[in-house]
């Protein structure tokens, strides 16, 4: 199972789910120690800001980072849960969960996965840059982008509630 949460909910999510792998999608200046129970090699830390277009002084997600993300997801043995988190659990992590679900289910309908994401997380507003790069790398011909546009912006929230993104 893919579990998605905010930074503030990371320790309790790792413990309550029994996760053995974590992906951190957060600003470079944030110090996010590897959670207790996670081996350092099973904690992927990708540093970038939650922006869609370049902004002076901020770091956008790169295609290289999305490729590293996908490589890590594909290396996951699915025996224990994987947690994906960002600062608020609303944008970067929900984009990551959607891209991961598409990668792990190559024959799944992108629109169905987007609807599941919306149902599981009413506040999800997936980072469009991450989704677009995932779409390109996975060869989804714009369907991931269209599907996420189709669910629209999520409900306003300071922090998203932790949720499970099914992968089967």
C-alpha atoms as a PDB file:
ATOM      1  CA  UNK A   1       0.000   0.000   0.000  1.00  0.00           C
ATOM      2  CA  UNK A   2       1.040   3.572  -0.662  1.00  0.00           C
ATOM      3  CA  UNK A   3       0.450   5.847   2.295  1.00  0.00           C
ATOM      4  CA  UNK A   4       0.502   9.621   1.896  1.00  0.00           C
ATOM      5  CA  UNK A   5       0.937  12.147   4.682  1.00  0.00           C
ATOM      6  CA  UNK A   6       2.366  15.475   5.757  1.00  0.00           C
ATOM      7  CA  UNK A   7       5.714  15.932   7.488  1.00  0.00           C
ATOM      8  CA  UNK A   8       3.995  16.386  10.852  1.00  0.00           C
ATOM      9  CA  UNK A   9       2.277  12.997  10.489  1.00  0.00           C
ATOM     10  CA  UNK A  10       5.332  11.114   9.181  1.00  0.00           C
ATOM     11  CA  UNK A  11       6.515   9.418  12.412  1.00  0.00           C
ATOM     12  CA  UNK A  12       3.056   8.192  13.405  1.00  0.00           C
ATOM     13  CA  UNK A  13       2.253   7.068   9.833  1.00  0.00           C
ATOM     14  CA  UNK A  14       5.449   5.011   9.614  1.00  0.00           C
ATOM     15  CA  UNK A  15       4.738   3.370  12.979  1.00  0.00           C
ATOM     16  CA  UNK A  16       1.018   2.765  12.454  1.00  0.00           C
ATOM     17  CA  UNK A  17       1.463   1.291   8.957  1.00  0.00           C
ATOM     18  CA  UNK A  18       4.629  -0.718   9.543  1.00  0.00           C
ATOM     19  CA  UNK A  19       6.202   0.988   6.522  1.00  0.00           C
ATOM     20  CA  UNK A  20       9.767   0.072   5.611  1.00  0.00           C
ATOM     21  CA  UNK A  21      10.244   2.623   2.804  1.00  0.00           C
ATOM     22  CA  UNK A  22       9.784   6.414   2.774  1.00  0.00           C
ATOM     23  CA  UNK A  23       9.972   9.056   0.065  1.00  0.00           C
ATOM     24  CA  UNK A  24      10.440  12.660   1.179  1.00  0.00           C
ATOM     25  CA  UNK A  25       9.505  15.378  -1.333  1.00  0.00           C
ATOM     26  CA  UNK A  26      10.348  18.644   0.392  1.00  0.00           C
ATOM     27  CA  UNK A  27      12.332  21.885   0.276  1.00  0.00           C
ATOM     28  CA  UNK A  28      16.119  21.519   0.338  1.00  0.00           C
ATOM     29  CA  UNK A  29      16.530  23.431   3.595  1.00  0.00           C
ATOM     30  CA  UNK A  30      14.278  21.047   5.512  1.00  0.00           C
ATOM     31  CA  UNK A  31      16.089  18.519   7.643  1.00  0.00           C
ATOM     32  CA  UNK A  32      14.024  15.349   7.603  1.00  0.00           C
ATOM     33  CA  UNK A  33      15.781  12.575   9.484  1.00  0.00           C
ATOM     34  CA  UNK A  34      15.159   9.007   8.415  1.00  0.00           C
ATOM     35  CA  UNK A  35      12.254   7.787  10.563  1.00  0.00           C
ATOM     36  CA  UNK A  36      12.810   5.124  13.178  1.00  0.00           C
ATOM     37  CA  UNK A  37      12.411   1.668  11.641  1.00  0.00           C
ATOM     38  CA  UNK A  38      13.440   2.773   8.131  1.00  0.00           C
ATOM     39  CA  UNK A  39      16.841   1.763   6.773  1.00  0.00           C
ATOM     40  CA  UNK A  40      18.737   4.758   5.339  1.00  0.00           C
ATOM     41  CA  UNK A  41      18.850   3.140   1.889  1.00  0.00           C
ATOM     42  CA  UNK A  42      15.024   2.872   1.940  1.00  0.00           C
ATOM     43  CA  UNK A  43      14.576   6.619   2.537  1.00  0.00           C
ATOM     44  CA  UNK A  44      14.636   8.656  -0.667  1.00  0.00           C
ATOM     45  CA  UNK A  45      15.009  12.399  -0.065  1.00  0.00           C
ATOM     46  CA  UNK A  46      14.259  14.601  -3.085  1.00  0.00           C
ATOM     47  CA  UNK A  47      14.691  18.320  -2.483  1.00  0.00           C
ATOM     48  CA  UNK A  48      12.632  20.811  -4.460  1.00  0.00           C
ATOM     49  CA  UNK A  49      10.051  23.504  -3.857  1.00  0.00           C
ATOM     50  CA  UNK A  50       6.346  23.105  -4.515  1.00  0.00           C
ATOM     51  CA  UNK A  51       6.267  25.206  -7.672  1.00  0.00           C
ATOM     52  CA  UNK A  52       5.085  24.493 -11.198  1.00  0.00           C
ATOM     53  CA  UNK A  53       7.132  27.064 -13.121  1.00  0.00           C
ATOM     54  CA  UNK A  54      10.603  28.364 -12.228  1.00  0.00           C
ATOM     55  CA  UNK A  55      10.731  31.124  -9.618  1.00  0.00           C
ATOM     56  CA  UNK A  56      13.972  32.959  -8.820  1.00  0.00           C
ATOM     57  CA  UNK A  57      15.523  31.547  -5.663  1.00  0.00           C
ATOM     58  CA  UNK A  58      13.402  28.381  -5.642  1.00  0.00           C
ATOM     59  CA  UNK A  59      14.138  24.908  -6.990  1.00  0.00           C
ATOM     60  CA  UNK A  60      11.536  23.222  -9.222  1.00  0.00           C
ATOM     61  CA  UNK A  61      11.271  19.443  -9.470  1.00  0.00           C
ATOM     62  CA  UNK A  62      13.471  18.075 -12.251  1.00  0.00           C
ATOM     63  CA  UNK A  63      12.986  15.210 -14.650  1.00  0.00           C
ATOM     64  CA  UNK A  64      16.043  13.564 -13.090  1.00  0.00           C
ATOM     65  CA  UNK A  65      14.326  13.679  -9.690  1.00  0.00           C
ATOM     66  CA  UNK A  66      11.116  12.182 -11.068  1.00  0.00           C
ATOM     67  CA  UNK A  67      13.185   9.419 -12.691  1.00  0.00           C
ATOM     68  CA  UNK A  68      14.913   8.776  -9.330  1.00  0.00           C
ATOM     69  CA  UNK A  69      11.483   8.724  -7.678  1.00  0.00           C
ATOM     70  CA  UNK A  70      10.219   6.152 -10.199  1.00  0.00           C
ATOM     71  CA  UNK A  71      13.341   4.029  -9.827  1.00  0.00           C
ATOM     72  CA  UNK A  72      12.850   3.947  -6.051  1.00  0.00           C
ATOM     73  CA  UNK A  73       9.151   3.104  -6.386  1.00  0.00           C
ATOM     74  CA  UNK A  74       9.935   0.290  -8.802  1.00  0.00           C
ATOM     75  CA  UNK A  75      12.603  -1.083  -6.423  1.00  0.00           C
ATOM     76  CA  UNK A  76      10.026  -1.326  -3.625  1.00  0.00           C
ATOM     77  CA  UNK A  77       9.198  -4.988  -2.957  1.00  0.00           C
ATOM     78  CA  UNK A  78       5.592  -4.219  -1.866  1.00  0.00           C
ATOM     79  CA  UNK A  79       5.964  -6.485   1.171  1.00  0.00           C
ATOM     80  CA  UNK A  80       5.510  -3.575   3.601  1.00  0.00           C
ATOM     81  CA  UNK A  81       3.892  -0.186   3.006  1.00  0.00           C
ATOM     82  CA  UNK A  82       5.644   2.743   1.349  1.00  0.00           C
ATOM     83  CA  UNK A  83       5.046   6.254   2.723  1.00  0.00           C
ATOM     84  CA  UNK A  84       5.261   9.305   0.486  1.00  0.00           C
ATOM     85  CA  UNK A  85       5.216  12.648   2.252  1.00  0.00           C
ATOM     86  CA  UNK A  86       5.791  16.337   1.692  1.00  0.00           C
ATOM     87  CA  UNK A  87       5.359  19.383   3.901  1.00  0.00           C
ATOM     88  CA  UNK A  88       1.549  19.511   3.938  1.00  0.00           C
ATOM     89  CA  UNK A  89       0.522  16.230   2.305  1.00  0.00           C
ATOM     90  CA  UNK A  90      -1.411  18.112  -0.372  1.00  0.00           C
ATOM     91  CA  UNK A  91       0.656  18.777  -3.499  1.00  0.00           C
ATOM     92  CA  UNK A  92       4.041  17.096  -3.950  1.00  0.00           C
ATOM     93  CA  UNK A  93       3.143  13.894  -2.108  1.00  0.00           C
ATOM     94  CA  UNK A  94      -0.239  13.514  -3.815  1.00  0.00           C
ATOM     95  CA  UNK A  95       1.428  14.009  -7.204  1.00  0.00           C
ATOM     96  CA  UNK A  96       3.983  11.387  -6.166  1.00  0.00           C
ATOM     97  CA  UNK A  97       1.283   8.933  -5.122  1.00  0.00           C
ATOM     98  CA  UNK A  98      -0.547   9.421  -8.413  1.00  0.00           C
ATOM     99  CA  UNK A  99       2.628   9.000 -10.495  1.00  0.00           C
ATOM    100  CA  UNK A 100       3.581   5.918  -8.447  1.00  0.00           C
ATOM    101  CA  UNK A 101       0.120   4.383  -8.911  1.00  0.00           C
ATOM    102  CA  UNK A 102       0.349   4.958 -12.669  1.00  0.00           C
ATOM    103  CA  UNK A 103       3.856   3.460 -12.805  1.00  0.00           C
ATOM    104  CA  UNK A 104       2.925   0.397 -10.760  1.00  0.00           C
ATOM    105  CA  UNK A 105      -0.260  -0.147 -12.779  1.00  0.00           C
ATOM    106  CA  UNK A 106       0.818   0.398 -16.387  1.00  0.00           C
ATOM    107  CA  UNK A 107      -2.546  -0.755 -17.765  1.00  0.00           C
ATOM    108  CA  UNK A 108      -4.677   1.242 -15.322  1.00  0.00           C
ATOM    109  CA  UNK A 109      -6.859   4.067 -16.560  1.00  0.00           C
ATOM    110  CA  UNK A 110      -5.340   7.413 -15.592  1.00  0.00           C
ATOM    111  CA  UNK A 111      -8.774   8.976 -15.087  1.00  0.00           C
ATOM    112  CA  UNK A 112      -9.885   6.200 -12.734  1.00  0.00           C
ATOM    113  CA  UNK A 113      -6.700   6.607 -10.673  1.00  0.00           C
ATOM    114  CA  UNK A 114      -7.246  10.383 -10.494  1.00  0.00           C
ATOM    115  CA  UNK A 115     -10.827   9.832  -9.268  1.00  0.00           C
ATOM    116  CA  UNK A 116      -9.540   7.431  -6.603  1.00  0.00           C
ATOM    117  CA  UNK A 117      -7.007  10.060  -5.534  1.00  0.00           C
ATOM    118  CA  UNK A 118      -9.770  12.669  -5.201  1.00  0.00           C
ATOM    119  CA  UNK A 119     -11.982  10.274  -3.233  1.00  0.00           C
ATOM    120  CA  UNK A 120      -9.145   9.364  -0.863  1.00  0.00           C
ATOM    121  CA  UNK A 121      -7.937  12.950  -0.445  1.00  0.00           C
ATOM    122  CA  UNK A 122     -10.454  15.778  -0.879  1.00  0.00           C
ATOM    123  CA  UNK A 123      -7.620  18.318  -0.373  1.00  0.00           C
ATOM    124  CA  UNK A 124      -5.241  16.765  -2.936  1.00  0.00           C
ATOM    125  CA  UNK A 125      -3.926  19.328  -5.398  1.00  0.00           C
ATOM    126  CA  UNK A 126      -1.185  17.352  -7.153  1.00  0.00           C
ATOM    127  CA  UNK A 127       1.815  19.350  -8.322  1.00  0.00           C
ATOM    128  CA  UNK A 128       1.237  19.684 -12.080  1.00  0.00           C
ATOM    129  CA  UNK A 129       4.969  19.752 -12.871  1.00  0.00           C
ATOM    130  CA  UNK A 130       5.544  16.365 -11.235  1.00  0.00           C
ATOM    131  CA  UNK A 131       2.474  14.912 -12.943  1.00  0.00           C
ATOM    132  CA  UNK A 132       3.576  16.236 -16.348  1.00  0.00           C
ATOM    133  CA  UNK A 133       7.066  14.784 -15.995  1.00  0.00           C
ATOM    134  CA  UNK A 134       5.630  11.468 -14.807  1.00  0.00           C
ATOM    135  CA  UNK A 135       3.283  11.453 -17.802  1.00  0.00           C
ATOM    136  CA  UNK A 136       6.202  12.021 -20.183  1.00  0.00           C
ATOM    137  CA  UNK A 137       8.483   9.410 -18.597  1.00  0.00           C
ATOM    138  CA  UNK A 138       5.701   6.810 -18.407  1.00  0.00           C
ATOM    139  CA  UNK A 139       4.577   7.485 -21.983  1.00  0.00           C
ATOM    140  CA  UNK A 140       0.996   8.277 -20.977  1.00  0.00           C
ATOM    141  CA  UNK A 141       0.538  10.775 -23.839  1.00  0.00           C
ATOM    142  CA  UNK A 142      -0.960  13.558 -21.717  1.00  0.00           C
ATOM    143  CA  UNK A 143      -3.653  11.414 -20.131  1.00  0.00           C
ATOM    144  CA  UNK A 144      -2.212  11.814 -16.618  1.00  0.00           C
ATOM    145  CA  UNK A 145      -2.154  15.595 -17.054  1.00  0.00           C
ATOM    146  CA  UNK A 146      -5.736  15.656 -18.333  1.00  0.00           C
ATOM    147  CA  UNK A 147      -6.957  13.346 -15.572  1.00  0.00           C
ATOM    148  CA  UNK A 148      -5.491  15.518 -12.819  1.00  0.00           C
ATOM    149  CA  UNK A 149      -6.894  18.655 -14.455  1.00  0.00           C
ATOM    150  CA  UNK A 150     -10.228  16.856 -14.499  1.00  0.00           C
ATOM    151  CA  UNK A 151     -10.374  16.414 -10.721  1.00  0.00           C
ATOM    152  CA  UNK A 152      -9.552  20.091 -10.206  1.00  0.00           C
ATOM    153  CA  UNK A 153      -8.058  21.822  -7.226  1.00  0.00           C
ATOM    154  CA  UNK A 154      -8.652  20.162  -3.903  1.00  0.00           C
ATOM    155  CA  UNK A 155     -10.485  21.618  -0.941  1.00  0.00           C
ATOM    156  CA  UNK A 156      -8.604  24.303   0.963  1.00  0.00           C
ATOM    157  CA  UNK A 157      -6.651  22.858   3.866  1.00  0.00           C
ATOM    158  CA  UNK A 158      -3.625  23.734   5.953  1.00  0.00           C
ATOM    159  CA  UNK A 159      -2.629  20.078   5.966  1.00  0.00           C
ATOM    160  CA  UNK A 160      -3.981  17.022   4.202  1.00  0.00           C
ATOM    161  CA  UNK A 161      -5.247  14.041   6.123  1.00  0.00           C
ATOM    162  CA  UNK A 162      -3.150  10.899   5.764  1.00  0.00           C
ATOM    163  CA  UNK A 163      -4.614   8.477   3.244  1.00  0.00           C
ATOM    164  CA  UNK A 164      -3.958   5.273   1.333  1.00  0.00           C
ATOM    165  CA  UNK A 165      -3.572   5.284  -2.443  1.00  0.00           C
ATOM    166  CA  UNK A 166      -4.382   1.775  -3.685  1.00  0.00           C
ATOM    167  CA  UNK A 167      -1.979   0.291  -6.201  1.00  0.00           C
ATOM    168  CA  UNK A 168      -3.809  -2.881  -7.215  1.00  0.00           C
END
